[in-house]
């Protein structure tokens, strides 16, 4: 497998041809190789998740999150009542 020398920002690096081709394949229109590398190697953006689940799945997740939040509130309120009762 061959190597390729590329410049990423202020650094020149040698990467194997397969890695270079993968980055090239993921480059967006108008995106530099450095920008593509930063996007692919950097932290994921929530925008990268757009379209990965259906509206129905999103609604189910929202409902599950709300139910979990409500259960947490109820559990906290129950614990506080017990605390208050213990010190009355």
N, C-alpha and C. Protein backbone atom coordinates (compact mmCIF):
# COMPACT_ATOMS: atom_id res chain seq x y z
N UNK A 1 0.84 -1.16 0.00
CA UNK A 1 0.00 0.00 0.00
C UNK A 1 0.90 1.24 0.00
N UNK A 2 0.56 2.21 -0.84
CA UNK A 2 1.37 3.40 -0.97
C UNK A 2 1.09 4.44 0.10
N UNK A 3 2.01 5.37 0.20
CA UNK A 3 1.86 6.47 1.14
C UNK A 3 1.68 7.75 0.35
N UNK A 4 1.05 8.72 0.97
CA UNK A 4 0.84 10.01 0.34
C UNK A 4 1.22 11.08 1.35
N UNK A 5 1.94 12.08 0.93
CA UNK A 5 2.30 13.21 1.77
C UNK A 5 1.28 14.32 1.53
N UNK A 6 0.63 14.76 2.62
CA UNK A 6 -0.39 15.81 2.50
C UNK A 6 -0.13 16.88 3.54
N UNK A 7 -0.61 18.06 3.26
CA UNK A 7 -0.48 19.17 4.20
C UNK A 7 -1.85 19.40 4.84
N UNK A 8 -1.89 19.30 6.16
CA UNK A 8 -3.10 19.56 6.94
C UNK A 8 -2.81 20.75 7.83
N UNK A 9 -3.42 21.87 7.48
CA UNK A 9 -3.17 23.13 8.18
C UNK A 9 -1.67 23.45 8.11
N UNK A 10 -1.01 23.47 9.24
CA UNK A 10 0.40 23.86 9.28
C UNK A 10 1.34 22.67 9.36
N UNK A 11 0.83 21.46 9.13
CA UNK A 11 1.63 20.26 9.32
C UNK A 11 1.60 19.42 8.04
N UNK A 12 2.74 18.90 7.68
CA UNK A 12 2.80 17.96 6.57
C UNK A 12 2.91 16.57 7.15
N UNK A 13 2.02 15.67 6.69
CA UNK A 13 2.00 14.32 7.23
C UNK A 13 1.99 13.30 6.11
N UNK A 14 2.46 12.11 6.41
CA UNK A 14 2.37 10.99 5.48
C UNK A 14 1.21 10.11 5.94
N UNK A 15 0.29 9.84 5.03
CA UNK A 15 -0.82 8.93 5.33
C UNK A 15 -0.88 7.89 4.24
N UNK A 16 -1.41 6.73 4.58
CA UNK A 16 -1.48 5.70 3.56
C UNK A 16 -2.56 6.06 2.54
N UNK A 17 -2.43 5.51 1.38
CA UNK A 17 -3.32 5.83 0.26
C UNK A 17 -4.78 5.53 0.58
N UNK A 18 -5.03 4.45 1.29
CA UNK A 18 -6.40 4.08 1.64
C UNK A 18 -7.05 5.15 2.52
N UNK A 19 -6.31 5.65 3.51
CA UNK A 19 -6.83 6.70 4.38
C UNK A 19 -7.10 7.96 3.58
N UNK A 20 -6.19 8.33 2.72
CA UNK A 20 -6.37 9.51 1.87
C UNK A 20 -7.64 9.36 1.03
N UNK A 21 -7.84 8.21 0.45
CA UNK A 21 -9.01 7.98 -0.40
C UNK A 21 -10.30 8.04 0.41
N UNK A 22 -10.26 7.55 1.65
CA UNK A 22 -11.46 7.63 2.50
C UNK A 22 -11.80 9.07 2.83
N UNK A 23 -10.79 9.87 3.13
CA UNK A 23 -11.04 11.29 3.41
C UNK A 23 -11.57 11.97 2.16
N UNK A 24 -10.95 11.71 1.04
CA UNK A 24 -11.40 12.30 -0.23
C UNK A 24 -12.85 11.93 -0.52
N UNK A 25 -13.21 10.69 -0.26
CA UNK A 25 -14.58 10.24 -0.54
C UNK A 25 -15.60 10.94 0.34
N UNK A 26 -15.18 11.39 1.52
CA UNK A 26 -16.08 12.05 2.46
C UNK A 26 -16.07 13.57 2.35
N UNK A 27 -15.18 14.10 1.53
CA UNK A 27 -15.11 15.56 1.38
C UNK A 27 -16.38 16.11 0.79
N UNK A 28 -16.83 17.22 1.33
CA UNK A 28 -18.00 17.92 0.82
C UNK A 28 -17.57 18.96 -0.19
N UNK A 29 -18.51 19.36 -1.01
CA UNK A 29 -18.19 20.36 -2.04
C UNK A 29 -17.63 21.62 -1.40
N UNK A 30 -16.51 22.09 -1.90
CA UNK A 30 -15.88 23.30 -1.40
C UNK A 30 -15.08 23.11 -0.12
N UNK A 31 -15.00 21.89 0.38
CA UNK A 31 -14.31 21.61 1.64
C UNK A 31 -12.86 21.23 1.34
N UNK A 32 -11.93 21.83 2.06
CA UNK A 32 -10.53 21.47 1.88
C UNK A 32 -10.27 20.12 2.53
N UNK A 33 -9.14 19.53 2.20
CA UNK A 33 -8.77 18.26 2.82
C UNK A 33 -8.64 18.43 4.33
N UNK A 34 -8.05 19.55 4.77
CA UNK A 34 -7.92 19.83 6.20
C UNK A 34 -9.27 19.95 6.87
N UNK A 35 -10.20 20.65 6.22
CA UNK A 35 -11.54 20.81 6.79
C UNK A 35 -12.23 19.45 6.90
N UNK A 36 -12.10 18.62 5.86
CA UNK A 36 -12.71 17.30 5.89
C UNK A 36 -12.11 16.46 7.01
N UNK A 37 -10.80 16.51 7.16
CA UNK A 37 -10.14 15.76 8.23
C UNK A 37 -10.64 16.23 9.59
N UNK A 38 -10.69 17.57 9.79
CA UNK A 38 -11.16 18.11 11.06
C UNK A 38 -12.57 17.63 11.36
N UNK A 39 -13.43 17.68 10.36
CA UNK A 39 -14.82 17.27 10.56
C UNK A 39 -14.90 15.78 10.89
N UNK A 40 -14.15 14.96 10.17
CA UNK A 40 -14.22 13.52 10.36
C UNK A 40 -13.53 13.07 11.65
N UNK A 41 -12.45 13.72 12.02
CA UNK A 41 -11.69 13.32 13.20
C UNK A 41 -12.12 14.06 14.45
N UNK A 42 -12.81 15.17 14.27
CA UNK A 42 -13.19 15.99 15.40
C UNK A 42 -14.45 15.50 16.08
N UNK A 43 -14.95 16.33 16.95
CA UNK A 43 -16.16 15.99 17.69
C UNK A 43 -17.35 15.97 16.74
N UNK A 44 -18.25 15.06 17.01
CA UNK A 44 -19.45 14.96 16.20
C UNK A 44 -20.39 16.12 16.51
N UNK A 45 -21.09 16.56 15.50
CA UNK A 45 -22.09 17.60 15.66
C UNK A 45 -23.46 16.94 15.68
N UNK A 46 -24.37 17.50 16.44
CA UNK A 46 -25.74 16.98 16.43
C UNK A 46 -26.34 17.07 15.03
N UNK A 47 -25.90 18.03 14.25
CA UNK A 47 -26.40 18.16 12.89
C UNK A 47 -26.04 16.94 12.04
N UNK A 48 -24.97 16.25 12.40
CA UNK A 48 -24.58 15.03 11.68
C UNK A 48 -25.61 13.93 11.85
N UNK A 49 -26.45 14.04 12.88
CA UNK A 49 -27.46 13.02 13.15
C UNK A 49 -28.77 13.28 12.41
N UNK A 50 -28.90 14.44 11.78
CA UNK A 50 -30.14 14.78 11.08
C UNK A 50 -30.50 13.70 10.07
N UNK A 51 -31.75 13.26 10.15
CA UNK A 51 -32.25 12.27 9.20
C UNK A 51 -31.91 10.83 9.53
N UNK A 52 -31.29 10.58 10.68
CA UNK A 52 -30.90 9.20 11.00
C UNK A 52 -32.02 8.41 11.68
N UNK A 53 -33.04 9.11 12.17
CA UNK A 53 -34.19 8.41 12.74
C UNK A 53 -35.46 9.00 12.15
N UNK A 54 -36.53 8.24 12.21
CA UNK A 54 -37.81 8.70 11.68
C UNK A 54 -38.48 9.65 12.67
N UNK A 55 -39.48 10.37 12.21
CA UNK A 55 -40.23 11.26 13.09
C UNK A 55 -40.89 10.46 14.21
N UNK A 56 -41.37 9.26 13.88
CA UNK A 56 -42.00 8.41 14.89
C UNK A 56 -41.00 8.00 15.97
N UNK A 57 -39.80 7.62 15.54
CA UNK A 57 -38.76 7.24 16.51
C UNK A 57 -38.38 8.43 17.39
N UNK A 58 -38.31 9.60 16.78
CA UNK A 58 -37.98 10.81 17.54
C UNK A 58 -39.05 11.09 18.58
N UNK A 59 -40.32 10.91 18.20
CA UNK A 59 -41.42 11.13 19.15
C UNK A 59 -41.36 10.13 20.30
N UNK A 60 -41.06 8.85 19.99
CA UNK A 60 -40.92 7.84 21.03
C UNK A 60 -39.79 8.19 22.00
N UNK A 61 -38.68 8.67 21.45
CA UNK A 61 -37.56 9.06 22.29
C UNK A 61 -37.94 10.24 23.18
N UNK A 62 -38.65 11.20 22.60
CA UNK A 62 -39.08 12.36 23.36
C UNK A 62 -40.00 11.94 24.50
N UNK A 63 -40.95 11.05 24.20
CA UNK A 63 -41.88 10.58 25.24
C UNK A 63 -41.14 9.80 26.33
N UNK A 64 -40.19 8.96 25.94
CA UNK A 64 -39.41 8.19 26.92
C UNK A 64 -38.58 9.12 27.79
N UNK A 65 -38.01 10.15 27.20
CA UNK A 65 -37.21 11.11 27.95
C UNK A 65 -38.08 11.85 28.96
N UNK A 66 -39.26 12.27 28.51
CA UNK A 66 -40.17 12.97 29.41
C UNK A 66 -40.63 12.06 30.55
N UNK A 67 -40.95 10.79 30.24
CA UNK A 67 -41.36 9.85 31.28
C UNK A 67 -40.24 9.63 32.29
N UNK A 68 -39.01 9.53 31.81
CA UNK A 68 -37.86 9.35 32.69
C UNK A 68 -37.66 10.59 33.57
N UNK A 69 -37.80 11.76 32.96
CA UNK A 69 -37.66 13.01 33.71
C UNK A 69 -38.73 13.09 34.80
N UNK A 70 -39.97 12.75 34.44
CA UNK A 70 -41.07 12.80 35.40
C UNK A 70 -40.85 11.80 36.54
N UNK A 71 -40.38 10.60 36.20
CA UNK A 71 -40.09 9.60 37.23
C UNK A 71 -39.01 10.10 38.18
N UNK A 72 -38.02 10.78 37.63
CA UNK A 72 -36.96 11.35 38.47
C UNK A 72 -37.48 12.42 39.40
N UNK A 73 -38.38 13.25 38.89
CA UNK A 73 -38.99 14.29 39.72
C UNK A 73 -39.79 13.65 40.85
N UNK A 74 -40.61 12.65 40.50
CA UNK A 74 -41.42 11.97 41.50
C UNK A 74 -40.56 11.29 42.55
N UNK A 75 -39.47 10.67 42.12
CA UNK A 75 -38.56 10.00 43.05
C UNK A 75 -37.91 11.02 43.99
N UNK A 76 -37.52 12.15 43.45
CA UNK A 76 -36.91 13.20 44.26
C UNK A 76 -37.90 13.74 45.26
N UNK A 77 -39.14 13.98 44.81
CA UNK A 77 -40.17 14.48 45.72
C UNK A 77 -40.45 13.48 46.84
N UNK A 78 -40.48 12.20 46.51
CA UNK A 78 -40.71 11.15 47.51
C UNK A 78 -39.57 11.15 48.54
N UNK A 79 -38.35 11.25 48.05
CA UNK A 79 -37.19 11.26 48.95
C UNK A 79 -37.23 12.49 49.86
N UNK A 80 -37.63 13.64 49.32
CA UNK A 80 -37.71 14.86 50.14
C UNK A 80 -38.80 14.75 51.19
N UNK A 81 -39.93 14.12 50.84
CA UNK A 81 -41.00 13.92 51.82
C UNK A 81 -40.49 13.04 52.97
N UNK A 82 -39.78 11.96 52.61
CA UNK A 82 -39.23 11.07 53.65
C UNK A 82 -38.24 11.83 54.52
N UNK A 83 -37.44 12.67 53.93
CA UNK A 83 -36.45 13.47 54.66
C UNK A 83 -37.18 14.39 55.65
N UNK A 84 -38.20 15.08 55.13
CA UNK A 84 -38.97 15.99 55.99
C UNK A 84 -39.63 15.24 57.14
N UNK A 85 -40.21 14.07 56.85
CA UNK A 85 -40.87 13.28 57.88
C UNK A 85 -39.86 12.82 58.95
N UNK A 86 -38.67 12.50 58.52
CA UNK A 86 -37.65 12.03 59.47
C UNK A 86 -37.23 13.12 60.45
N UNK A 87 -37.36 14.38 60.04
CA UNK A 87 -36.90 15.48 60.91
C UNK A 87 -38.04 16.31 61.49
N UNK A 88 -39.27 15.77 61.45
CA UNK A 88 -40.40 16.49 62.05
C UNK A 88 -40.44 16.29 63.54
